[in-house]
Amino acid sequence: MRPAILAAVIVALATAATAAERLPSFPKNTSYQEARRSLIALGYKPVTMPDADKCYAGDERCQGRPEMSSCSGTGMAYCNFTWRSPRDMLIEITTVGEGINKVHAISCRANCK
């Protein structure tokens, strides 16, 4: 009887691991514009955070991107963009660079599995 219980637990854990949502990934040097198109195609929705920075006129990194939560005005020109997956996972994309910003990191912020 114990082997049957152990087998059931293993099957349940394997099923849960398979069902877990994974963070999207992009090749090195992917532009945020390209990553954004991919996220939309995958069913992700841009999220406007209530405490988001203001996107200043002329800042191409965030113009027309309501998902921008913050953008640095100095240094490496980092920006953070927030998205919600079809399964309700909240992710943050960090970009680097002025003009054509490139994806630097992707992290889960809520409902991570």
PDB file of N, CA and C in Angstrom:
ATOM      1  N   MET A   1       0.825  -1.191   0.000  1.00  0.00           N
ATOM      2  CA  MET A   1       0.000   0.000   0.000  1.00  0.00           C
ATOM      3  C   MET A   1       0.870   1.256   0.000  1.00  0.00           C
ATOM      4  N   ARG A   2       1.940   1.250   0.716  1.00  0.00           N
ATOM      5  CA  ARG A   2       2.808   2.423   0.748  1.00  0.00           C
ATOM      6  C   ARG A   2       3.360   2.783  -0.635  1.00  0.00           C
ATOM      7  N   PRO A   3       3.799   1.823  -1.435  1.00  0.00           N
ATOM      8  CA  PRO A   3       4.282   2.174  -2.767  1.00  0.00           C
ATOM      9  C   PRO A   3       3.201   2.872  -3.604  1.00  0.00           C
ATOM     10  N   ALA A   4       1.957   2.481  -3.438  1.00  0.00           N
ATOM     11  CA  ALA A   4       0.872   3.117  -4.187  1.00  0.00           C
ATOM     12  C   ALA A   4       0.691   4.569  -3.761  1.00  0.00           C
ATOM     13  N   ILE A   5       0.795   4.831  -2.454  1.00  0.00           N
ATOM     14  CA  ILE A   5       0.682   6.208  -1.952  1.00  0.00           C
ATOM     15  C   ILE A   5       1.851   7.036  -2.454  1.00  0.00           C
ATOM     16  N   LEU A   6       3.058   6.484  -2.395  1.00  0.00           N
ATOM     17  CA  LEU A   6       4.238   7.184  -2.881  1.00  0.00           C
ATOM     18  C   LEU A   6       4.107   7.498  -4.371  1.00  0.00           C
ATOM     19  N   ALA A   7       3.624   6.555  -5.140  1.00  0.00           N
ATOM     20  CA  ALA A   7       3.434   6.778  -6.582  1.00  0.00           C
ATOM     21  C   ALA A   7       2.420   7.891  -6.829  1.00  0.00           C
ATOM     22  N   ALA A   8       1.343   7.920  -6.057  1.00  0.00           N
ATOM     23  CA  ALA A   8       0.324   8.963  -6.213  1.00  0.00           C
ATOM     24  C   ALA A   8       0.900  10.338  -5.891  1.00  0.00           C
ATOM     25  N   VAL A   9       1.738  10.412  -4.853  1.00  0.00           N
ATOM     26  CA  VAL A   9       2.360  11.688  -4.484  1.00  0.00           C
ATOM     27  C   VAL A   9       3.309  12.147  -5.590  1.00  0.00           C
ATOM     28  N   ILE A  10       4.091  11.236  -6.144  1.00  0.00           N
ATOM     29  CA  ILE A  10       5.025  11.584  -7.221  1.00  0.00           C
ATOM     30  C   ILE A  10       4.260  12.091  -8.443  1.00  0.00           C
ATOM     31  N   VAL A  11       3.189  11.425  -8.804  1.00  0.00           N
ATOM     32  CA  VAL A  11       2.379  11.869  -9.952  1.00  0.00           C
ATOM     33  C   VAL A  11       1.785  13.241  -9.680  1.00  0.00           C
ATOM     34  N   ALA A  12       1.293  13.476  -8.476  1.00  0.00           N
ATOM     35  CA  ALA A  12       0.699  14.775  -8.132  1.00  0.00           C
ATOM     36  C   ALA A  12       1.747  15.880  -8.201  1.00  0.00           C
ATOM     37  N   LEU A  13       2.940  15.632  -7.681  1.00  0.00           N
ATOM     38  CA  LEU A  13       4.003  16.638  -7.726  1.00  0.00           C
ATOM     39  C   LEU A  13       4.455  16.900  -9.159  1.00  0.00           C
ATOM     40  N   ALA A  14       4.564  15.884  -9.959  1.00  0.00           N
ATOM     41  CA  ALA A  14       4.972  16.059 -11.357  1.00  0.00           C
ATOM     42  C   ALA A  14       3.927  16.865 -12.120  1.00  0.00           C
ATOM     43  N   THR A  15       2.655  16.599 -11.858  1.00  0.00           N
ATOM     44  CA  THR A  15       1.583  17.344 -12.513  1.00  0.00           C
ATOM     45  C   THR A  15       1.613  18.802 -12.093  1.00  0.00           C
ATOM     46  N   ALA A  16       1.821  19.075 -10.813  1.00  0.00           N
ATOM     47  CA  ALA A  16       1.882  20.449 -10.318  1.00  0.00           C
ATOM     48  C   ALA A  16       3.072  21.183 -10.924  1.00  0.00           C
ATOM     49  N   ALA A  17       4.203  20.519 -11.039  1.00  0.00           N
ATOM     50  CA  ALA A  17       5.390  21.156 -11.621  1.00  0.00           C
ATOM     51  C   ALA A  17       5.169  21.479 -13.086  1.00  0.00           C
ATOM     52  N   THR A  18       4.484  20.586 -13.801  1.00  0.00           N
ATOM     53  CA  THR A  18       4.210  20.822 -15.214  1.00  0.00           C
ATOM     54  C   THR A  18       3.246  21.990 -15.387  1.00  0.00           C
ATOM     55  N   ALA A  19       2.283  22.113 -14.474  1.00  0.00           N
ATOM     56  CA  ALA A  19       1.276  23.163 -14.572  1.00  0.00           C
ATOM     57  C   ALA A  19       1.801  24.527 -14.145  1.00  0.00           C
ATOM     58  N   ALA A  20       2.936  24.561 -13.455  1.00  0.00           N
ATOM     59  CA  ALA A  20       3.478  25.835 -12.976  1.00  0.00           C
ATOM     60  C   ALA A  20       3.834  26.736 -14.154  1.00  0.00           C
ATOM     61  N   GLU A  21       3.490  27.979 -14.015  1.00  0.00           N
ATOM     62  CA  GLU A  21       3.767  28.943 -15.075  1.00  0.00           C
ATOM     63  C   GLU A  21       5.219  29.379 -15.005  1.00  0.00           C
ATOM     64  N   ARG A  22       5.846  29.507 -16.146  1.00  0.00           N
ATOM     65  CA  ARG A  22       7.237  29.918 -16.211  1.00  0.00           C
ATOM     66  C   ARG A  22       7.338  31.359 -16.683  1.00  0.00           C
ATOM     67  N   LEU A  23       8.403  32.005 -16.270  1.00  0.00           N
ATOM     68  CA  LEU A  23       8.665  33.359 -16.743  1.00  0.00           C
ATOM     69  C   LEU A  23       9.009  33.306 -18.225  1.00  0.00           C
ATOM     70  N   PRO A  24       8.571  34.301 -18.984  1.00  0.00           N
ATOM     71  CA  PRO A  24       8.990  34.347 -20.382  1.00  0.00           C
ATOM     72  C   PRO A  24      10.494  34.627 -20.440  1.00  0.00           C
ATOM     73  N   SER A  25      11.116  34.254 -21.522  1.00  0.00           N
ATOM     74  CA  SER A  25      12.543  34.555 -21.687  1.00  0.00           C
ATOM     75  C   SER A  25      12.763  35.056 -23.107  1.00  0.00           C
ATOM     76  N   PHE A  26      13.800  35.845 -23.256  1.00  0.00           N
ATOM     77  CA  PHE A  26      14.123  36.433 -24.552  1.00  0.00           C
ATOM     78  C   PHE A  26      15.615  36.295 -24.799  1.00  0.00           C
ATOM     79  N   PRO A  27      16.016  36.173 -26.066  1.00  0.00           N
ATOM     80  CA  PRO A  27      17.446  36.112 -26.378  1.00  0.00           C
ATOM     81  C   PRO A  27      18.160  37.393 -25.929  1.00  0.00           C
ATOM     82  N   LYS A  28      19.445  37.261 -25.671  1.00  0.00           N
ATOM     83  CA  LYS A  28      20.262  38.408 -25.277  1.00  0.00           C
ATOM     84  C   LYS A  28      20.122  39.525 -26.316  1.00  0.00           C
ATOM     85  N   ASN A  29      20.086  40.755 -25.842  1.00  0.00           N
ATOM     86  CA  ASN A  29      19.976  41.963 -26.668  1.00  0.00           C
ATOM     87  C   ASN A  29      18.626  42.135 -27.367  1.00  0.00           C
ATOM     88  N   THR A  30      17.580  41.469 -26.870  1.00  0.00           N
ATOM     89  CA  THR A  30      16.249  41.671 -27.428  1.00  0.00           C
ATOM     90  C   THR A  30      15.776  43.067 -27.063  1.00  0.00           C
ATOM     91  N   SER A  31      15.284  43.802 -28.039  1.00  0.00           N
ATOM     92  CA  SER A  31      14.758  45.139 -27.753  1.00  0.00           C
ATOM     93  C   SER A  31      13.463  44.998 -26.968  1.00  0.00           C
ATOM     94  N   TYR A  32      13.170  45.998 -26.135  1.00  0.00           N
ATOM     95  CA  TYR A  32      11.922  45.937 -25.374  1.00  0.00           C
ATOM     96  C   TYR A  32      10.731  45.954 -26.324  1.00  0.00           C
ATOM     97  N   GLN A  33      10.828  46.677 -27.409  1.00  0.00           N
ATOM     98  CA  GLN A  33       9.727  46.735 -28.379  1.00  0.00           C
ATOM     99  C   GLN A  33       9.400  45.322 -28.894  1.00  0.00           C
ATOM    100  N   GLU A  34      10.423  44.548 -29.217  1.00  0.00           N
ATOM    101  CA  GLU A  34      10.223  43.181 -29.690  1.00  0.00           C
ATOM    102  C   GLU A  34       9.667  42.297 -28.573  1.00  0.00           C
ATOM    103  N   ALA A  35      10.206  42.427 -27.364  1.00  0.00           N
ATOM    104  CA  ALA A  35       9.718  41.649 -26.224  1.00  0.00           C
ATOM    105  C   ALA A  35       8.263  41.998 -25.924  1.00  0.00           C
ATOM    106  N   ARG A  36       7.931  43.276 -26.034  1.00  0.00           N
ATOM    107  CA  ARG A  36       6.558  43.736 -25.782  1.00  0.00           C
ATOM    108  C   ARG A  36       5.585  43.077 -26.758  1.00  0.00           C
ATOM    109  N   ARG A  37       5.952  43.040 -28.034  1.00  0.00           N
ATOM    110  CA  ARG A  37       5.099  42.387 -29.039  1.00  0.00           C
ATOM    111  C   ARG A  37       4.915  40.908 -28.703  1.00  0.00           C
ATOM    112  N   SER A  38       5.982  40.252 -28.273  1.00  0.00           N
ATOM    113  CA  SER A  38       5.904  38.834 -27.908  1.00  0.00           C
ATOM    114  C   SER A  38       4.993  38.618 -26.707  1.00  0.00           C
ATOM    115  N   LEU A  39       5.117  39.475 -25.693  1.00  0.00           N
ATOM    116  CA  LEU A  39       4.270  39.342 -24.507  1.00  0.00           C
ATOM    117  C   LEU A  39       2.788  39.477 -24.876  1.00  0.00           C
ATOM    118  N   ILE A  40       2.468  40.447 -25.695  1.00  0.00           N
ATOM    119  CA  ILE A  40       1.082  40.644 -26.127  1.00  0.00           C
ATOM    120  C   ILE A  40       0.588  39.414 -26.880  1.00  0.00           C
ATOM    121  N   ALA A  41       1.421  38.868 -27.763  1.00  0.00           N
ATOM    122  CA  ALA A  41       1.049  37.671 -28.517  1.00  0.00           C
ATOM    123  C   ALA A  41       0.823  36.466 -27.605  1.00  0.00           C
ATOM    124  N   LEU A  42       1.539  36.433 -26.472  1.00  0.00           N
ATOM    125  CA  LEU A  42       1.385  35.341 -25.505  1.00  0.00           C
ATOM    126  C   LEU A  42       0.194  35.547 -24.565  1.00  0.00           C
ATOM    127  N   GLY A  43      -0.506  36.672 -24.711  1.00  0.00           N
ATOM    128  CA  GLY A  43      -1.675  36.932 -23.883  1.00  0.00           C
ATOM    129  C   GLY A  43      -1.411  37.748 -22.636  1.00  0.00           C
ATOM    130  N   TYR A  44      -0.207  38.258 -22.469  1.00  0.00           N
ATOM    131  CA  TYR A  44       0.097  39.119 -21.328  1.00  0.00           C
ATOM    132  C   TYR A  44      -0.574  40.472 -21.531  1.00  0.00           C
ATOM    133  N   LYS A  45      -0.928  41.121 -20.426  1.00  0.00           N
ATOM    134  CA  LYS A  45      -1.565  42.435 -20.457  1.00  0.00           C
ATOM    135  C   LYS A  45      -0.684  43.440 -19.719  1.00  0.00           C
ATOM    136  N   PRO A  46      -0.500  44.640 -20.300  1.00  0.00           N
ATOM    137  CA  PRO A  46       0.258  45.669 -19.586  1.00  0.00           C
ATOM    138  C   PRO A  46      -0.480  46.106 -18.331  1.00  0.00           C
ATOM    139  N   VAL A  47       0.252  46.365 -17.257  1.00  0.00           N
ATOM    140  CA  VAL A  47      -0.333  46.785 -15.980  1.00  0.00           C
ATOM    141  C   VAL A  47       0.176  48.183 -15.647  1.00  0.00           C
ATOM    142  N   THR A  48      -0.749  49.092 -15.382  1.00  0.00           N
ATOM    143  CA  THR A  48      -0.376  50.431 -14.933  1.00  0.00           C
ATOM    144  C   THR A  48      -0.367  50.425 -13.414  1.00  0.00           C
ATOM    145  N   MET A  49       0.799  50.609 -12.836  1.00  0.00           N
ATOM    146  CA  MET A  49       0.934  50.600 -11.385  1.00  0.00           C
ATOM    147  C   MET A  49       0.491  51.960 -10.828  1.00  0.00           C
ATOM    148  N   PRO A  50      -0.204  51.954  -9.682  1.00  0.00           N
ATOM    149  CA  PRO A  50      -0.700  53.225  -9.125  1.00  0.00           C
ATOM    150  C   PRO A  50       0.407  54.194  -8.722  1.00  0.00           C
ATOM    151  N   ASP A  51       1.580  53.679  -8.388  1.00  0.00           N
ATOM    152  CA  ASP A  51       2.681  54.539  -7.957  1.00  0.00           C
ATOM    153  C   ASP A  51       3.760  54.689  -9.031  1.00  0.00           C
ATOM    154  N   ALA A  52       3.382  54.478 -10.290  1.00  0.00           N
ATOM    155  CA  ALA A  52       4.348  54.537 -11.390  1.00  0.00           C
ATOM    156  C   ALA A  52       4.919  55.935 -11.570  1.00  0.00           C
ATOM    157  N   ASP A  53       6.185  55.982 -12.015  1.00  0.00           N
ATOM    158  CA  ASP A  53       6.803  57.255 -12.390  1.00  0.00           C
ATOM    159  C   ASP A  53       6.049  57.856 -13.569  1.00  0.00           C
ATOM    160  N   LYS A  54       6.234  59.139 -13.748  1.00  0.00           N
ATOM    161  CA  LYS A  54       5.667  59.814 -14.909  1.00  0.00           C
ATOM    162  C   LYS A  54       6.643  59.646 -16.075  1.00  0.00           C
ATOM    163  N   CYS A  55       6.111  59.381 -17.253  1.00  0.00           N
ATOM    164  CA  CYS A  55       6.941  59.321 -18.452  1.00  0.00           C
ATOM    165  C   CYS A  55       7.001  60.722 -19.035  1.00  0.00           C
ATOM    166  N   TYR A  56       8.189  61.281 -19.050  1.00  0.00           N
ATOM    167  CA  TYR A  56       8.344  62.654 -19.526  1.00  0.00           C
ATOM    168  C   TYR A  56       8.312  62.725 -21.046  1.00  0.00           C
ATOM    169  N   ALA A  57       7.789  63.813 -21.561  1.00  0.00           N
ATOM    170  CA  ALA A  57       7.699  64.028 -23.002  1.00  0.00           C
ATOM    171  C   ALA A  57       9.071  63.838 -23.636  1.00  0.00           C
ATOM    172  N   GLY A  58       9.097  63.102 -24.722  1.00  0.00           N
ATOM    173  CA  GLY A  58      10.344  62.870 -25.435  1.00  0.00           C
ATOM    174  C   GLY A  58      11.136  61.660 -24.969  1.00  0.00           C
ATOM    175  N   ASP A  59      10.721  61.015 -23.884  1.00  0.00           N
ATOM    176  CA  ASP A  59      11.426  59.829 -23.401  1.00  0.00           C
ATOM    177  C   ASP A  59      10.911  58.614 -24.173  1.00  0.00           C
ATOM    178  N   GLU A  60      11.652  58.210 -25.193  1.00  0.00           N
ATOM    179  CA  GLU A  60      11.233  57.116 -26.070  1.00  0.00           C
ATOM    180  C   GLU A  60      11.162  55.768 -25.362  1.00  0.00           C
ATOM    181  N   ARG A  61      11.811  55.644 -24.220  1.00  0.00           N
ATOM    182  CA  ARG A  61      11.797  54.374 -23.495  1.00  0.00           C
ATOM    183  C   ARG A  61      10.406  54.037 -22.979  1.00  0.00           C
ATOM    184  N   CYS A  62       9.602  55.059 -22.672  1.00  0.00           N
ATOM    185  CA  CYS A  62       8.318  54.788 -22.029  1.00  0.00           C
ATOM    186  C   CYS A  62       7.110  55.407 -22.749  1.00  0.00           C
ATOM    187  N   GLN A  63       7.310  56.196 -23.776  1.00  0.00           N
ATOM    188  CA  GLN A  63       6.201  56.812 -24.492  1.00  0.00           C
ATOM    189  C   GLN A  63       5.253  55.746 -25.031  1.00  0.00           C
ATOM    190  N   GLY A  64       3.962  55.886 -24.742  1.00  0.00           N
ATOM    191  CA  GLY A  64       2.965  54.941 -25.228  1.00  0.00           C
ATOM    192  C   GLY A  64       3.028  53.577 -24.566  1.00  0.00           C
ATOM    193  N   ARG A  65       3.654  53.497 -23.403  1.00  0.00           N
ATOM    194  CA  ARG A  65       3.799  52.228 -22.691  1.00  0.00           C
ATOM    195  C   ARG A  65       3.267  52.385 -21.262  1.00  0.00           C
ATOM    196  N   PRO A  66       1.972  52.182 -21.093  1.00  0.00           N
ATOM    197  CA  PRO A  66       1.364  52.389 -19.771  1.00  0.00           C
ATOM    198  C   PRO A  66       1.895  51.440 -18.704  1.00  0.00           C
ATOM    199  N   GLU A  67       2.594  50.410 -19.104  1.00  0.00           N
ATOM    200  CA  GLU A  67       3.140  49.430 -18.160  1.00  0.00           C
ATOM    201  C   GLU A  67       4.430  49.878 -17.498  1.00  0.00           C
ATOM    202  N   MET A  68       4.961  51.055 -17.896  1.00  0.00           N
ATOM    203  CA  MET A  68       6.198  51.548 -17.290  1.00  0.00           C
ATOM    204  C   MET A  68       5.932  51.903 -15.831  1.00  0.00           C
ATOM    205  N   SER A  69       6.713  51.310 -14.933  1.00  0.00           N
ATOM    206  CA  SER A  69       6.549  51.639 -13.515  1.00  0.00           C
ATOM    207  C   SER A  69       7.646  52.582 -13.041  1.00  0.00           C
ATOM    208  N   SER A  70       8.830  52.497 -13.651  1.00  0.00           N
ATOM    209  CA  SER A  70       9.899  53.437 -13.300  1.00  0.00           C
ATOM    210  C   SER A  70      10.936  53.473 -14.407  1.00  0.00           C
ATOM    211  N   CYS A  71      11.560  54.632 -14.548  1.00  0.00           N
ATOM    212  CA  CYS A  71      12.675  54.807 -15.488  1.00  0.00           C
ATOM    213  C   CYS A  71      13.698  55.728 -14.843  1.00  0.00           C
ATOM    214  N   SER A  72      14.945  55.311 -14.885  1.00  0.00           N
ATOM    215  CA  SER A  72      16.040  56.094 -14.331  1.00  0.00           C
ATOM    216  C   SER A  72      16.457  57.171 -15.321  1.00  0.00           C
ATOM    217  N   GLY A  73      16.744  58.344 -14.808  1.00  0.00           N
ATOM    218  CA  GLY A  73      17.184  59.435 -15.657  1.00  0.00           C
ATOM    219  C   GLY A  73      18.686  59.506 -15.799  1.00  0.00           C
ATOM    220  N   THR A  74      19.403  58.633 -15.094  1.00  0.00           N
ATOM    221  CA  THR A  74      20.868  58.680 -15.127  1.00  0.00           C
ATOM    222  C   THR A  74      21.438  57.273 -15.211  1.00  0.00           C
ATOM    223  N   GLY A  75      22.733  57.200 -15.324  1.00  0.00           N
ATOM    224  CA  GLY A  75      23.427  55.911 -15.310  1.00  0.00           C
ATOM    225  C   GLY A  75      23.132  55.078 -16.534  1.00  0.00           C
ATOM    226  N   MET A  76      22.742  53.843 -16.316  1.00  0.00           N
ATOM    227  CA  MET A  76      22.512  52.895 -17.405  1.00  0.00           C
ATOM    228  C   MET A  76      21.118  53.021 -18.022  1.00  0.00           C
ATOM    229  N   ALA A  77      20.333  53.992 -17.567  1.00  0.00           N
ATOM    230  CA  ALA A  77      18.986  54.242 -18.103  1.00  0.00           C
ATOM    231  C   ALA A  77      18.067  53.026 -17.930  1.00  0.00           C
ATOM    232  N   TYR A  78      18.058  52.472 -16.716  1.00  0.00           N
ATOM    233  CA  TYR A  78      17.187  51.331 -16.428  1.00  0.00           C
ATOM    234  C   TYR A  78      15.723  51.758 -16.412  1.00  0.00           C
ATOM    235  N   CYS A  79      14.840  50.871 -16.890  1.00  0.00           N
ATOM    236  CA  CYS A  79      13.390  51.049 -16.787  1.00  0.00           C
ATOM    237  C   CYS A  79      12.784  49.730 -16.329  1.00  0.00           C
ATOM    238  N   ASN A  80      11.650  49.821 -15.638  1.00  0.00           N
ATOM    239  CA  ASN A  80      10.893  48.643 -15.221  1.00  0.00           C
ATOM    240  C   ASN A  80       9.494  48.724 -15.816  1.00  0.00           C
ATOM    241  N   PHE A  81       9.033  47.585 -16.353  1.00  0.00           N
ATOM    242  CA  PHE A  81       7.722  47.495 -16.977  1.00  0.00           C
ATOM    243  C   PHE A  81       6.976  46.315 -16.364  1.00  0.00           C
ATOM    244  N   THR A  82       5.696  46.509 -16.034  1.00  0.00           N
ATOM    245  CA  THR A  82       4.918  45.497 -15.329  1.00  0.00           C
ATOM    246  C   THR A  82       3.855  44.889 -16.242  1.00  0.00           C
ATOM    247  N   TRP A  83       3.754  43.566 -16.188  1.00  0.00           N
ATOM    248  CA  TRP A  83       2.817  42.809 -17.026  1.00  0.00           C
ATOM    249  C   TRP A  83       2.096  41.746 -16.201  1.00  0.00           C
ATOM    250  N   ARG A  84       0.875  41.393 -16.619  1.00  0.00           N
ATOM    251  CA  ARG A  84       0.115  40.304 -15.988  1.00  0.00           C
ATOM    252  C   ARG A  84      -0.080  39.198 -17.017  1.00  0.00           C
ATOM    253  N   SER A  85       0.252  37.978 -16.611  1.00  0.00           N
ATOM    254  CA  SER A  85       0.131  36.821 -17.502  1.00  0.00           C
ATOM    255  C   SER A  85      -1.323  36.363 -17.583  1.00  0.00           C
ATOM    256  N   PRO A  86      -1.633  35.519 -18.558  1.00  0.00           N
ATOM    257  CA  PRO A  86      -2.995  34.980 -18.655  1.00  0.00           C
ATOM    258  C   PRO A  86      -3.412  34.193 -17.409  1.00  0.00           C
ATOM    259  N   ARG A  87      -2.431  33.683 -16.649  1.00  0.00           N
ATOM    260  CA  ARG A  87      -2.739  32.915 -15.431  1.00  0.00           C
ATOM    261  C   ARG A  87      -2.528  33.757 -14.179  1.00  0.00           C
ATOM    262  N   ASP A  88      -2.504  35.090 -14.333  1.00  0.00           N
ATOM    263  CA  ASP A  88      -2.496  36.055 -13.231  1.00  0.00           C
ATOM    264  C   ASP A  88      -1.153  36.236 -12.533  1.00  0.00           C
ATOM    265  N   MET A  89      -0.061  35.809 -13.146  1.00  0.00           N
ATOM    266  CA  MET A  89       1.258  36.066 -12.573  1.00  0.00           C
ATOM    267  C   MET A  89       1.658  37.495 -12.955  1.00  0.00           C
ATOM    268  N   LEU A  90       2.157  38.255 -11.979  1.00  0.00           N
ATOM    269  CA  LEU A  90       2.606  39.625 -12.221  1.00  0.00           C
ATOM    270  C   LEU A  90       4.113  39.595 -12.398  1.00  0.00           C
ATOM    271  N   ILE A  91       4.587  40.069 -13.568  1.00  0.00           N
ATOM    272  CA  ILE A  91       6.025  40.055 -13.838  1.00  0.00           C
ATOM    273  C   ILE A  91       6.532  41.469 -14.077  1.00  0.00           C
ATOM    274  N   GLU A  92       7.840  41.613 -13.914  1.00  0.00           N
ATOM    275  CA  GLU A  92       8.490  42.894 -14.173  1.00  0.00           C
ATOM    276  C   GLU A  92       9.649  42.657 -15.139  1.00  0.00           C
ATOM    277  N   ILE A  93       9.672  43.459 -16.190  1.00  0.00           N
ATOM    278  CA  ILE A  93      10.753  43.428 -17.171  1.00  0.00           C
ATOM    279  C   ILE A  93      11.640  44.636 -16.896  1.00  0.00           C
ATOM    280  N   THR A  94      12.924  44.414 -16.701  1.00  0.00           N
ATOM    281  CA  THR A  94      13.879  45.506 -16.515  1.00  0.00           C
ATOM    282  C   THR A  94      14.662  45.657 -17.802  1.00  0.00           C
ATOM    283  N   THR A  95      14.747  46.907 -18.277  1.00  0.00           N
ATOM    284  CA  THR A  95      15.498  47.181 -19.498  1.00  0.00           C
ATOM    285  C   THR A  95      16.661  48.104 -19.179  1.00  0.00           C
ATOM    286  N   VAL A  96      17.581  48.178 -20.118  1.00  0.00           N
ATOM    287  CA  VAL A  96      18.739  49.040 -19.974  1.00  0.00           C
ATOM    288  C   VAL A  96      18.991  49.728 -21.308  1.00  0.00           C
ATOM    289  N   GLY A  97      19.420  50.975 -21.233  1.00  0.00           N
ATOM    290  CA  GLY A  97      19.795  51.696 -22.444  1.00  0.00           C
ATOM    291  C   GLY A  97      18.828  52.803 -22.807  1.00  0.00           C
ATOM    292  N   GLU A  98      19.357  53.801 -23.468  1.00  0.00           N
ATOM    293  CA  GLU A  98      18.547  54.919 -23.943  1.00  0.00           C
ATOM    294  C   GLU A  98      18.126  54.650 -25.377  1.00  0.00           C
ATOM    295  N   GLY A  99      17.028  55.264 -25.811  1.00  0.00           N
ATOM    296  CA  GLY A  99      16.549  55.055 -27.175  1.00  0.00           C
ATOM    297  C   GLY A  99      15.997  53.652 -27.321  1.00  0.00           C
ATOM    298  N   ILE A 100      16.780  52.761 -27.907  1.00  0.00           N
ATOM    299  CA  ILE A 100      16.355  51.364 -28.043  1.00  0.00           C
ATOM    300  C   ILE A 100      16.782  50.626 -26.784  1.00  0.00           C
ATOM    301  N   ASN A 101      15.846  50.514 -25.835  1.00  0.00           N
ATOM    302  CA  ASN A 101      16.187  49.828 -24.592  1.00  0.00           C
ATOM    303  C   ASN A 101      16.082  48.320 -24.790  1.00  0.00           C
ATOM    304  N   LYS A 102      17.005  47.607 -24.165  1.00  0.00           N
ATOM    305  CA  LYS A 102      17.102  46.156 -24.308  1.00  0.00           C
ATOM    306  C   LYS A 102      16.697  45.472 -23.006  1.00  0.00           C
ATOM    307  N   VAL A 103      16.089  44.286 -23.136  1.00  0.00           N
ATOM    308  CA  VAL A 103      15.692  43.512 -21.964  1.00  0.00           C
ATOM    309  C   VAL A 103      16.944  43.108 -21.194  1.00  0.00           C
ATOM    310  N   HIS A 104      16.945  43.427 -19.907  1.00  0.00           N
ATOM    311  CA  HIS A 104      18.079  43.127 -19.033  1.00  0.00           C
ATOM    312  C   HIS A 104      17.742  41.981 -18.066  1.00  0.00           C
ATOM    313  N   ALA A 105      16.509  41.989 -17.529  1.00  0.00           N
ATOM    314  CA  ALA A 105      16.108  40.966 -16.552  1.00  0.00           C
ATOM    315  C   ALA A 105      14.588  40.831 -16.547  1.00  0.00           C
ATOM    316  N   ILE A 106      14.126  39.661 -16.116  1.00  0.00           N
ATOM    317  CA  ILE A 106      12.696  39.385 -15.966  1.00  0.00           C
ATOM    318  C   ILE A 106      12.517  38.747 -14.595  1.00  0.00           C
ATOM    319  N   SER A 107      11.557  39.274 -13.819  1.00  0.00           N
ATOM    320  CA  SER A 107      11.323  38.709 -12.490  1.00  0.00           C
ATOM    321  C   SER A 107       9.833  38.627 -12.208  1.00  0.00           C
ATOM    322  N   CYS A 108       9.487  37.720 -11.325  1.00  0.00           N
ATOM    323  CA  CYS A 108       8.098  37.553 -10.911  1.00  0.00           C
ATOM    324  C   CYS A 108       7.878  38.396  -9.664  1.00  0.00           C
ATOM    325  N   ARG A 109       6.775  39.141  -9.629  1.00  0.00           N
ATOM    326  CA  ARG A 109       6.461  40.014  -8.506  1.00  0.00           C
ATOM    327  C   ARG A 109       5.283  39.523  -7.663  1.00  0.00           C
ATOM    328  N   ALA A 110       4.362  38.775  -8.262  1.00  0.00           N
ATOM    329  CA  ALA A 110       3.202  38.285  -7.506  1.00  0.00           C
ATOM    330  C   ALA A 110       2.624  37.051  -8.197  1.00  0.00           C
ATOM    331  N   ASN A 111       1.991  36.201  -7.403  1.00  0.00           N
ATOM    332  CA  ASN A 111       1.376  34.971  -7.885  1.00  0.00           C
ATOM    333  C   ASN A 111       2.397  34.065  -8.577  1.00  0.00           C
ATOM    334  N   CYS A 112       3.608  34.062  -8.027  1.00  0.00           N
ATOM    335  CA  CYS A 112       4.682  33.237  -8.563  1.00  0.00           C
ATOM    336  C   CYS A 112       4.432  31.800  -8.131  1.00  0.00           C
ATOM    337  N   LYS A 113       4.735  30.899  -9.008  1.00  0.00           N
ATOM    338  CA  LYS A 113       4.492  29.491  -8.679  1.00  0.00           C
ATOM    339  C   LYS A 113       5.764  28.703  -8.715  1.00  0.00           C
TER     340      LYS A 113
END
